[in-house]
Amino acid sequence: MMTMERIRIGFSHGKYRISTRTQNPKVEEGIACALKELARGKEIDVSREKQEGVYGRRLAKDLQKSCNERINKVYAQLDADRGDAFLLKFNVIL
């Protein structure tokens, strides 16, 4: 719910790009779902850049899993113990 509200506020200010860094596939899935709902009918471009060791350590005790196996396979590439993460960029194309 918080993700949805933050995106709604951004849209109200004319902001249609979202960037975040994460080790958690649920974060990517949550943003993607919120954007699909709020940007009905608009194309959404997503890019994912692997950043090795950016956090310097694992951020969560347990690795999170998404309901989406495709996303889980992508996140399995990260070495969370080293602090790897993905820089995610979402762009709503108007």
PDB file of N, CA and C in Angstrom:
ATOM      1  N   MET A   1       0.822  -1.194   0.000  1.00  0.00           N
ATOM      2  CA  MET A   1       0.000   0.000   0.000  1.00  0.00           C
ATOM      3  C   MET A   1       0.864   1.254   0.000  1.00  0.00           C
ATOM      4  N   MET A   2       1.945   1.236   0.750  1.00  0.00           N
ATOM      5  CA  MET A   2       2.819   2.396   0.797  1.00  0.00           C
ATOM      6  C   MET A   2       3.450   2.655  -0.573  1.00  0.00           C
ATOM      7  N   THR A   3       3.818   1.579  -1.270  1.00  0.00           N
ATOM      8  CA  THR A   3       4.397   1.727  -2.607  1.00  0.00           C
ATOM      9  C   THR A   3       3.407   2.413  -3.531  1.00  0.00           C
ATOM     10  N   MET A   4       2.176   1.953  -3.504  1.00  0.00           N
ATOM     11  CA  MET A   4       1.125   2.525  -4.352  1.00  0.00           C
ATOM     12  C   MET A   4       0.955   4.015  -4.062  1.00  0.00           C
ATOM     13  N   GLU A   5       0.913   4.392  -2.799  1.00  0.00           N
ATOM     14  CA  GLU A   5       0.716   5.793  -2.424  1.00  0.00           C
ATOM     15  C   GLU A   5       1.897   6.651  -2.877  1.00  0.00           C
ATOM     16  N   ARG A   6       3.099   6.153  -2.705  1.00  0.00           N
ATOM     17  CA  ARG A   6       4.279   6.919  -3.136  1.00  0.00           C
ATOM     18  C   ARG A   6       4.286   7.123  -4.647  1.00  0.00           C
ATOM     19  N   ILE A   7       3.923   6.087  -5.391  1.00  0.00           N
ATOM     20  CA  ILE A   7       3.872   6.220  -6.854  1.00  0.00           C
ATOM     21  C   ILE A   7       2.771   7.202  -7.242  1.00  0.00           C
ATOM     22  N   ARG A   8       1.622   7.117  -6.602  1.00  0.00           N
ATOM     23  CA  ARG A   8       0.514   8.037  -6.889  1.00  0.00           C
ATOM     24  C   ARG A   8       0.943   9.491  -6.655  1.00  0.00           C
ATOM     25  N   ILE A   9       1.658   9.743  -5.570  1.00  0.00           N
ATOM     26  CA  ILE A   9       2.145  11.099  -5.289  1.00  0.00           C
ATOM     27  C   ILE A   9       3.120  11.546  -6.374  1.00  0.00           C
ATOM     28  N   GLY A  10       4.031  10.658  -6.765  1.00  0.00           N
ATOM     29  CA  GLY A  10       4.972  10.993  -7.839  1.00  0.00           C
ATOM     30  C   GLY A  10       4.256  11.349  -9.131  1.00  0.00           C
ATOM     31  N   PHE A  11       3.273  10.538  -9.511  1.00  0.00           N
ATOM     32  CA  PHE A  11       2.505  10.807 -10.726  1.00  0.00           C
ATOM     33  C   PHE A  11       1.819  12.169 -10.640  1.00  0.00           C
ATOM     34  N   SER A  12       1.287  12.505  -9.458  1.00  0.00           N
ATOM     35  CA  SER A  12       0.587  13.786  -9.311  1.00  0.00           C
ATOM     36  C   SER A  12       1.538  14.969  -9.501  1.00  0.00           C
ATOM     37  N   HIS A  13       2.848  14.730  -9.345  1.00  0.00           N
ATOM     38  CA  HIS A  13       3.860  15.768  -9.554  1.00  0.00           C
ATOM     39  C   HIS A  13       4.571  15.622 -10.903  1.00  0.00           C
ATOM     40  N   GLY A  14       3.996  14.792 -11.782  1.00  0.00           N
ATOM     41  CA  GLY A  14       4.552  14.636 -13.121  1.00  0.00           C
ATOM     42  C   GLY A  14       5.807  13.778 -13.192  1.00  0.00           C
ATOM     43  N   LYS A  15       6.032  12.948 -12.193  1.00  0.00           N
ATOM     44  CA  LYS A  15       7.214  12.078 -12.157  1.00  0.00           C
ATOM     45  C   LYS A  15       6.805  10.682 -12.608  1.00  0.00           C
ATOM     46  N   TYR A  16       7.430  10.204 -13.681  1.00  0.00           N
ATOM     47  CA  TYR A  16       7.064   8.910 -14.245  1.00  0.00           C
ATOM     48  C   TYR A  16       8.256   7.949 -14.322  1.00  0.00           C
ATOM     49  N   ARG A  17       9.304   8.264 -13.581  1.00  0.00           N
ATOM     50  CA  ARG A  17      10.468   7.382 -13.486  1.00  0.00           C
ATOM     51  C   ARG A  17      10.713   7.044 -12.024  1.00  0.00           C
ATOM     52  N   ILE A  18      11.010   5.773 -11.772  1.00  0.00           N
ATOM     53  CA  ILE A  18      11.291   5.313 -10.415  1.00  0.00           C
ATOM     54  C   ILE A  18      12.604   4.547 -10.454  1.00  0.00           C
ATOM     55  N   SER A  19      13.486   4.850  -9.531  1.00  0.00           N
ATOM     56  CA  SER A  19      14.739   4.113  -9.391  1.00  0.00           C
ATOM     57  C   SER A  19      14.871   3.654  -7.948  1.00  0.00           C
ATOM     58  N   THR A  20      15.381   2.455  -7.772  1.00  0.00           N
ATOM     59  CA  THR A  20      15.653   1.937  -6.438  1.00  0.00           C
ATOM     60  C   THR A  20      16.714   0.854  -6.549  1.00  0.00           C
ATOM     61  N   ARG A  21      17.306   0.542  -5.427  1.00  0.00           N
ATOM     62  CA  ARG A  21      18.314  -0.521  -5.383  1.00  0.00           C
ATOM     63  C   ARG A  21      17.838  -1.544  -4.351  1.00  0.00           C
ATOM     64  N   THR A  22      17.962  -2.840  -4.691  1.00  0.00           N
ATOM     65  CA  THR A  22      17.449  -3.860  -3.784  1.00  0.00           C
ATOM     66  C   THR A  22      18.101  -5.214  -3.997  1.00  0.00           C
ATOM     67  N   GLN A  23      18.059  -6.021  -2.944  1.00  0.00           N
ATOM     68  CA  GLN A  23      18.421  -7.432  -3.006  1.00  0.00           C
ATOM     69  C   GLN A  23      17.149  -8.296  -2.973  1.00  0.00           C
ATOM     70  N   ASN A  24      16.002  -7.664  -2.880  1.00  0.00           N
ATOM     71  CA  ASN A  24      14.737  -8.335  -2.608  1.00  0.00           C
ATOM     72  C   ASN A  24      13.831  -8.356  -3.840  1.00  0.00           C
ATOM     73  N   PRO A  25      13.553  -9.536  -4.393  1.00  0.00           N
ATOM     74  CA  PRO A  25      12.687  -9.606  -5.575  1.00  0.00           C
ATOM     75  C   PRO A  25      11.266  -9.138  -5.314  1.00  0.00           C
ATOM     76  N   LYS A  26      10.826  -9.171  -4.040  1.00  0.00           N
ATOM     77  CA  LYS A  26       9.480  -8.691  -3.716  1.00  0.00           C
ATOM     78  C   LYS A  26       9.363  -7.184  -3.919  1.00  0.00           C
ATOM     79  N   VAL A  27      10.464  -6.466  -3.772  1.00  0.00           N
ATOM     80  CA  VAL A  27      10.458  -5.021  -4.010  1.00  0.00           C
ATOM     81  C   VAL A  27      10.182  -4.759  -5.486  1.00  0.00           C
ATOM     82  N   GLU A  28      10.907  -5.452  -6.360  1.00  0.00           N
ATOM     83  CA  GLU A  28      10.689  -5.282  -7.802  1.00  0.00           C
ATOM     84  C   GLU A  28       9.259  -5.648  -8.180  1.00  0.00           C
ATOM     85  N   GLU A  29       8.799  -6.769  -7.679  1.00  0.00           N
ATOM     86  CA  GLU A  29       7.451  -7.225  -8.004  1.00  0.00           C
ATOM     87  C   GLU A  29       6.391  -6.236  -7.506  1.00  0.00           C
ATOM     88  N   GLY A  30       6.575  -5.698  -6.306  1.00  0.00           N
ATOM     89  CA  GLY A  30       5.623  -4.747  -5.748  1.00  0.00           C
ATOM     90  C   GLY A  30       5.534  -3.458  -6.550  1.00  0.00           C
ATOM     91  N   ILE A  31       6.690  -2.930  -6.940  1.00  0.00           N
ATOM     92  CA  ILE A  31       6.693  -1.702  -7.748  1.00  0.00           C
ATOM     93  C   ILE A  31       6.059  -1.967  -9.108  1.00  0.00           C
ATOM     94  N   ALA A  32       6.423  -3.089  -9.732  1.00  0.00           N
ATOM     95  CA  ALA A  32       5.870  -3.418 -11.052  1.00  0.00           C
ATOM     96  C   ALA A  32       4.349  -3.555 -10.992  1.00  0.00           C
ATOM     97  N   CYS A  33       3.828  -4.222  -9.969  1.00  0.00           N
ATOM     98  CA  CYS A  33       2.372  -4.391  -9.831  1.00  0.00           C
ATOM     99  C   CYS A  33       1.677  -3.052  -9.611  1.00  0.00           C
ATOM    100  N   ALA A  34       2.252  -2.215  -8.759  1.00  0.00           N
ATOM    101  CA  ALA A  34       1.655  -0.899  -8.492  1.00  0.00           C
ATOM    102  C   ALA A  34       1.648  -0.050  -9.762  1.00  0.00           C
ATOM    103  N   LEU A  35       2.735  -0.081 -10.507  1.00  0.00           N
ATOM    104  CA  LEU A  35       2.792   0.696 -11.746  1.00  0.00           C
ATOM    105  C   LEU A  35       1.775   0.206 -12.766  1.00  0.00           C
ATOM    106  N   LYS A  36       1.623  -1.105 -12.887  1.00  0.00           N
ATOM    107  CA  LYS A  36       0.638  -1.644 -13.834  1.00  0.00           C
ATOM    108  C   LYS A  36      -0.763  -1.146 -13.510  1.00  0.00           C
ATOM    109  N   GLU A  37      -1.070  -1.093 -12.234  1.00  0.00           N
ATOM    110  CA  GLU A  37      -2.396  -0.639 -11.828  1.00  0.00           C
ATOM    111  C   GLU A  37      -2.574   0.861 -12.034  1.00  0.00           C
ATOM    112  N   LEU A  38      -1.574   1.646 -11.665  1.00  0.00           N
ATOM    113  CA  LEU A  38      -1.697   3.102 -11.731  1.00  0.00           C
ATOM    114  C   LEU A  38      -1.476   3.676 -13.127  1.00  0.00           C
ATOM    115  N   ALA A  39      -0.687   2.989 -13.945  1.00  0.00           N
ATOM    116  CA  ALA A  39      -0.369   3.493 -15.288  1.00  0.00           C
ATOM    117  C   ALA A  39      -1.132   2.688 -16.333  1.00  0.00           C
ATOM    118  N   ARG A  40      -2.380   2.458 -16.069  1.00  0.00           N
ATOM    119  CA  ARG A  40      -3.227   1.623 -16.937  1.00  0.00           C
ATOM    120  C   ARG A  40      -3.044   1.977 -18.413  1.00  0.00           C
ATOM    121  N   GLY A  41      -2.721   0.941 -19.189  1.00  0.00           N
ATOM    122  CA  GLY A  41      -2.610   1.108 -20.637  1.00  0.00           C
ATOM    123  C   GLY A  41      -1.304   1.710 -21.120  1.00  0.00           C
ATOM    124  N   LYS A  42      -0.474   2.156 -20.217  1.00  0.00           N
ATOM    125  CA  LYS A  42       0.813   2.754 -20.606  1.00  0.00           C
ATOM    126  C   LYS A  42       1.895   1.676 -20.624  1.00  0.00           C
ATOM    127  N   GLU A  43       2.865   1.855 -21.490  1.00  0.00           N
ATOM    128  CA  GLU A  43       3.998   0.943 -21.539  1.00  0.00           C
ATOM    129  C   GLU A  43       4.942   1.263 -20.380  1.00  0.00           C
ATOM    130  N   ILE A  44       5.493   0.225 -19.762  1.00  0.00           N
ATOM    131  CA  ILE A  44       6.430   0.396 -18.655  1.00  0.00           C
ATOM    132  C   ILE A  44       7.734  -0.283 -19.033  1.00  0.00           C
ATOM    133  N   ASP A  45       8.785   0.510 -19.117  1.00  0.00           N
ATOM    134  CA  ASP A  45      10.113  -0.001 -19.425  1.00  0.00           C
ATOM    135  C   ASP A  45      10.842  -0.247 -18.103  1.00  0.00           C
ATOM    136  N   VAL A  46      11.428  -1.435 -17.957  1.00  0.00           N
ATOM    137  CA  VAL A  46      12.149  -1.779 -16.733  1.00  0.00           C
ATOM    138  C   VAL A  46      13.573  -2.184 -17.089  1.00  0.00           C
ATOM    139  N   SER A  47      14.536  -1.594 -16.396  1.00  0.00           N
ATOM    140  CA  SER A  47      15.925  -2.034 -16.566  1.00  0.00           C
ATOM    141  C   SER A  47      16.468  -2.451 -15.211  1.00  0.00           C
ATOM    142  N   ARG A  48      17.386  -3.392 -15.261  1.00  0.00           N
ATOM    143  CA  ARG A  48      17.951  -3.972 -14.042  1.00  0.00           C
ATOM    144  C   ARG A  48      19.461  -4.050 -14.240  1.00  0.00           C
ATOM    145  N   GLU A  49      20.214  -3.391 -13.365  1.00  0.00           N
ATOM    146  CA  GLU A  49      21.677  -3.386 -13.453  1.00  0.00           C
ATOM    147  C   GLU A  49      22.248  -4.012 -12.183  1.00  0.00           C
ATOM    148  N   LYS A  50      23.038  -5.069 -12.359  1.00  0.00           N
ATOM    149  CA  LYS A  50      23.647  -5.734 -11.206  1.00  0.00           C
ATOM    150  C   LYS A  50      24.786  -4.876 -10.676  1.00  0.00           C
ATOM    151  N   GLN A  51      24.777  -4.652  -9.362  1.00  0.00           N
ATOM    152  CA  GLN A  51      25.835  -3.886  -8.709  1.00  0.00           C
ATOM    153  C   GLN A  51      26.482  -4.795  -7.666  1.00  0.00           C
ATOM    154  N   GLU A  52      27.706  -5.188  -7.931  1.00  0.00           N
ATOM    155  CA  GLU A  52      28.388  -6.138  -7.059  1.00  0.00           C
ATOM    156  C   GLU A  52      28.930  -5.444  -5.812  1.00  0.00           C
ATOM    157  N   GLY A  53      28.607  -6.020  -4.658  1.00  0.00           N
ATOM    158  CA  GLY A  53      29.157  -5.561  -3.390  1.00  0.00           C
ATOM    159  C   GLY A  53      28.727  -4.181  -2.940  1.00  0.00           C
ATOM    160  N   VAL A  54      27.712  -3.629  -3.526  1.00  0.00           N
ATOM    161  CA  VAL A  54      27.304  -2.249  -3.244  1.00  0.00           C
ATOM    162  C   VAL A  54      26.899  -2.052  -1.777  1.00  0.00           C
ATOM    163  N   TYR A  55      26.297  -3.061  -1.159  1.00  0.00           N
ATOM    164  CA  TYR A  55      25.911  -2.953   0.246  1.00  0.00           C
ATOM    165  C   TYR A  55      26.986  -3.473   1.194  1.00  0.00           C
ATOM    166  N   GLY A  56      27.881  -4.278   0.679  1.00  0.00           N
ATOM    167  CA  GLY A  56      28.959  -4.809   1.511  1.00  0.00           C
ATOM    168  C   GLY A  56      28.562  -5.974   2.404  1.00  0.00           C
ATOM    169  N   ARG A  57      27.284  -6.331   2.376  1.00  0.00           N
ATOM    170  CA  ARG A  57      26.795  -7.441   3.204  1.00  0.00           C
ATOM    171  C   ARG A  57      25.360  -7.767   2.806  1.00  0.00           C
ATOM    172  N   ARG A  58      24.883  -8.863   3.321  1.00  0.00           N
ATOM    173  CA  ARG A  58      23.473  -9.234   3.151  1.00  0.00           C
ATOM    174  C   ARG A  58      22.638  -8.307   4.035  1.00  0.00           C
ATOM    175  N   LEU A  59      21.527  -7.809   3.529  1.00  0.00           N
ATOM    176  CA  LEU A  59      20.702  -6.888   4.303  1.00  0.00           C
ATOM    177  C   LEU A  59      19.646  -7.587   5.151  1.00  0.00           C
ATOM    178  N   ALA A  60      19.189  -8.743   4.709  1.00  0.00           N
ATOM    179  CA  ALA A  60      18.166  -9.475   5.449  1.00  0.00           C
ATOM    180  C   ALA A  60      18.705 -10.846   5.841  1.00  0.00           C
ATOM    181  N   LYS A  61      18.280 -11.324   6.984  1.00  0.00           N
ATOM    182  CA  LYS A  61      18.747 -12.625   7.456  1.00  0.00           C
ATOM    183  C   LYS A  61      18.422 -13.722   6.443  1.00  0.00           C
ATOM    184  N   ASP A  62      17.183 -13.724   5.957  1.00  0.00           N
ATOM    185  CA  ASP A  62      16.739 -14.734   4.998  1.00  0.00           C
ATOM    186  C   ASP A  62      16.521 -14.096   3.633  1.00  0.00           C
ATOM    187  N   LEU A  63      16.928 -14.800   2.587  1.00  0.00           N
ATOM    188  CA  LEU A  63      16.683 -14.315   1.235  1.00  0.00           C
ATOM    189  C   LEU A  63      15.193 -14.367   0.948  1.00  0.00           C
ATOM    190  N   GLN A  64      14.671 -13.296   0.409  1.00  0.00           N
ATOM    191  CA  GLN A  64      13.251 -13.210   0.100  1.00  0.00           C
ATOM    192  C   GLN A  64      12.974 -13.888  -1.236  1.00  0.00           C
ATOM    193  N   LYS A  65      11.767 -14.382  -1.377  1.00  0.00           N
ATOM    194  CA  LYS A  65      11.309 -14.989  -2.627  1.00  0.00           C
ATOM    195  C   LYS A  65      10.039 -14.287  -3.066  1.00  0.00           C
ATOM    196  N   SER A  66       9.942 -14.109  -4.359  1.00  0.00           N
ATOM    197  CA  SER A  66       8.756 -13.536  -4.974  1.00  0.00           C
ATOM    198  C   SER A  66       7.806 -14.675  -5.351  1.00  0.00           C
ATOM    199  N   CYS A  67       6.594 -14.357  -5.686  1.00  0.00           N
ATOM    200  CA  CYS A  67       5.656 -15.352  -6.227  1.00  0.00           C
ATOM    201  C   CYS A  67       5.978 -15.646  -7.691  1.00  0.00           C
ATOM    202  N   ASN A  68       6.834 -14.826  -8.277  1.00  0.00           N
ATOM    203  CA  ASN A  68       7.179 -14.940  -9.690  1.00  0.00           C
ATOM    204  C   ASN A  68       8.520 -15.674  -9.831  1.00  0.00           C
ATOM    205  N   GLU A  69       8.485 -16.894 -10.325  1.00  0.00           N
ATOM    206  CA  GLU A  69       9.707 -17.698 -10.451  1.00  0.00           C
ATOM    207  C   GLU A  69      10.722 -17.077 -11.402  1.00  0.00           C
ATOM    208  N   ARG A  70      10.250 -16.386 -12.425  1.00  0.00           N
ATOM    209  CA  ARG A  70      11.167 -15.732 -13.375  1.00  0.00           C
ATOM    210  C   ARG A  70      12.012 -14.696 -12.641  1.00  0.00           C
ATOM    211  N   ILE A  71      11.388 -13.905 -11.793  1.00  0.00           N
ATOM    212  CA  ILE A  71      12.122 -12.891 -11.029  1.00  0.00           C
ATOM    213  C   ILE A  71      13.052 -13.564 -10.018  1.00  0.00           C
ATOM    214  N   ASN A  72      12.590 -14.648  -9.382  1.00  0.00           N
ATOM    215  CA  ASN A  72      13.445 -15.359  -8.426  1.00  0.00           C
ATOM    216  C   ASN A  72      14.719 -15.866  -9.084  1.00  0.00           C
ATOM    217  N   LYS A  73      14.614 -16.352 -10.313  1.00  0.00           N
ATOM    218  CA  LYS A  73      15.795 -16.850 -11.029  1.00  0.00           C
ATOM    219  C   LYS A  73      16.790 -15.724 -11.285  1.00  0.00           C
ATOM    220  N   VAL A  74      16.292 -14.556 -11.595  1.00  0.00           N
ATOM    221  CA  VAL A  74      17.164 -13.403 -11.820  1.00  0.00           C
ATOM    222  C   VAL A  74      17.888 -13.033 -10.528  1.00  0.00           C
ATOM    223  N   TYR A  75      17.165 -12.978  -9.423  1.00  0.00           N
ATOM    224  CA  TYR A  75      17.757 -12.594  -8.137  1.00  0.00           C
ATOM    225  C   TYR A  75      18.697 -13.661  -7.584  1.00  0.00           C
ATOM    226  N   ALA A  76      18.561 -14.891  -8.054  1.00  0.00           N
ATOM    227  CA  ALA A  76      19.467 -15.959  -7.632  1.00  0.00           C
ATOM    228  C   ALA A  76      20.892 -15.692  -8.118  1.00  0.00           C
ATOM    229  N   GLN A  77      21.056 -14.791  -9.090  1.00  0.00           N
ATOM    230  CA  GLN A  77      22.379 -14.420  -9.607  1.00  0.00           C
ATOM    231  C   GLN A  77      23.164 -13.557  -8.617  1.00  0.00           C
ATOM    232  N   LEU A  78      22.467 -12.949  -7.671  1.00  0.00           N
ATOM    233  CA  LEU A  78      23.135 -12.060  -6.720  1.00  0.00           C
ATOM    234  C   LEU A  78      23.870 -12.854  -5.648  1.00  0.00           C
ATOM    235  N   ASP A  79      25.014 -12.344  -5.230  1.00  0.00           N
ATOM    236  CA  ASP A  79      25.716 -12.871  -4.055  1.00  0.00           C
ATOM    237  C   ASP A  79      25.366 -11.906  -2.916  1.00  0.00           C
ATOM    238  N   ALA A  80      24.261 -12.207  -2.237  1.00  0.00           N
ATOM    239  CA  ALA A  80      23.760 -11.305  -1.194  1.00  0.00           C
ATOM    240  C   ALA A  80      24.761 -11.158  -0.054  1.00  0.00           C
ATOM    241  N   ASP A  81      25.499 -12.212   0.260  1.00  0.00           N
ATOM    242  CA  ASP A  81      26.482 -12.129   1.344  1.00  0.00           C
ATOM    243  C   ASP A  81      27.571 -11.102   1.032  1.00  0.00           C
ATOM    244  N   ARG A  82      27.905 -10.945  -0.237  1.00  0.00           N
ATOM    245  CA  ARG A  82      28.890  -9.948  -0.667  1.00  0.00           C
ATOM    246  C   ARG A  82      28.273  -8.544  -0.694  1.00  0.00           C
ATOM    247  N   GLY A  83      26.941  -8.488  -0.737  1.00  0.00           N
ATOM    248  CA  GLY A  83      26.257  -7.203  -0.792  1.00  0.00           C
ATOM    249  C   GLY A  83      25.789  -6.817  -2.175  1.00  0.00           C
ATOM    250  N   ASP A  84      25.740  -7.797  -3.082  1.00  0.00           N
ATOM    251  CA  ASP A  84      25.242  -7.516  -4.426  1.00  0.00           C
ATOM    252  C   ASP A  84      23.789  -7.065  -4.375  1.00  0.00           C
ATOM    253  N   ALA A  85      23.411  -6.232  -5.333  1.00  0.00           N
ATOM    254  CA  ALA A  85      22.026  -5.758  -5.443  1.00  0.00           C
ATOM    255  C   ALA A  85      21.754  -5.406  -6.900  1.00  0.00           C
ATOM    256  N   PHE A  86      20.510  -5.178  -7.196  1.00  0.00           N
ATOM    257  CA  PHE A  86      20.124  -4.668  -8.511  1.00  0.00           C
ATOM    258  C   PHE A  86      19.695  -3.216  -8.381  1.00  0.00           C
ATOM    259  N   LEU A  87      20.156  -2.392  -9.309  1.00  0.00           N
ATOM    260  CA  LEU A  87      19.637  -1.047  -9.472  1.00  0.00           C
ATOM    261  C   LEU A  87      18.495  -1.182 -10.460  1.00  0.00           C
ATOM    262  N   LEU A  88      17.296  -0.865 -10.029  1.00  0.00           N
ATOM    263  CA  LEU A  88      16.104  -0.986 -10.865  1.00  0.00           C
ATOM    264  C   LEU A  88      15.677   0.390 -11.338  1.00  0.00           C
ATOM    265  N   LYS A  89      15.318   0.467 -12.607  1.00  0.00           N
ATOM    266  CA  LYS A  89      14.791   1.716 -13.163  1.00  0.00           C
ATOM    267  C   LYS A  89      13.497   1.392 -13.908  1.00  0.00           C
ATOM    268  N   PHE A  90      12.416   2.011 -13.465  1.00  0.00           N
ATOM    269  CA  PHE A  90      11.110   1.863 -14.088  1.00  0.00           C
ATOM    270  C   PHE A  90      10.772   3.182 -14.767  1.00  0.00           C
ATOM    271  N   ASN A  91      10.342   3.118 -16.004  1.00  0.00           N
ATOM    272  CA  ASN A  91       9.992   4.312 -16.751  1.00  0.00           C
ATOM    273  C   ASN A  91       8.622   4.100 -17.400  1.00  0.00           C
ATOM    274  N   VAL A  92       7.648   4.909 -17.017  1.00  0.00           N
ATOM    275  CA  VAL A  92       6.336   4.854 -17.623  1.00  0.00           C
ATOM    276  C   VAL A  92       6.382   5.710 -18.880  1.00  0.00           C
ATOM    277  N   ILE A  93       6.090   5.080 -20.012  1.00  0.00           N
ATOM    278  CA  ILE A  93       6.156   5.781 -21.295  1.00  0.00           C
ATOM    279  C   ILE A  93       4.780   6.347 -21.605  1.00  0.00           C
ATOM    280  N   LEU A  94       4.701   7.663 -21.641  1.00  0.00           N
ATOM    281  CA  LEU A  94       3.411   8.340 -21.845  1.00  0.00           C
ATOM    282  C   LEU A  94       3.035   8.422 -23.297  1.00  0.00           C
TER     283      LEU A  94
END
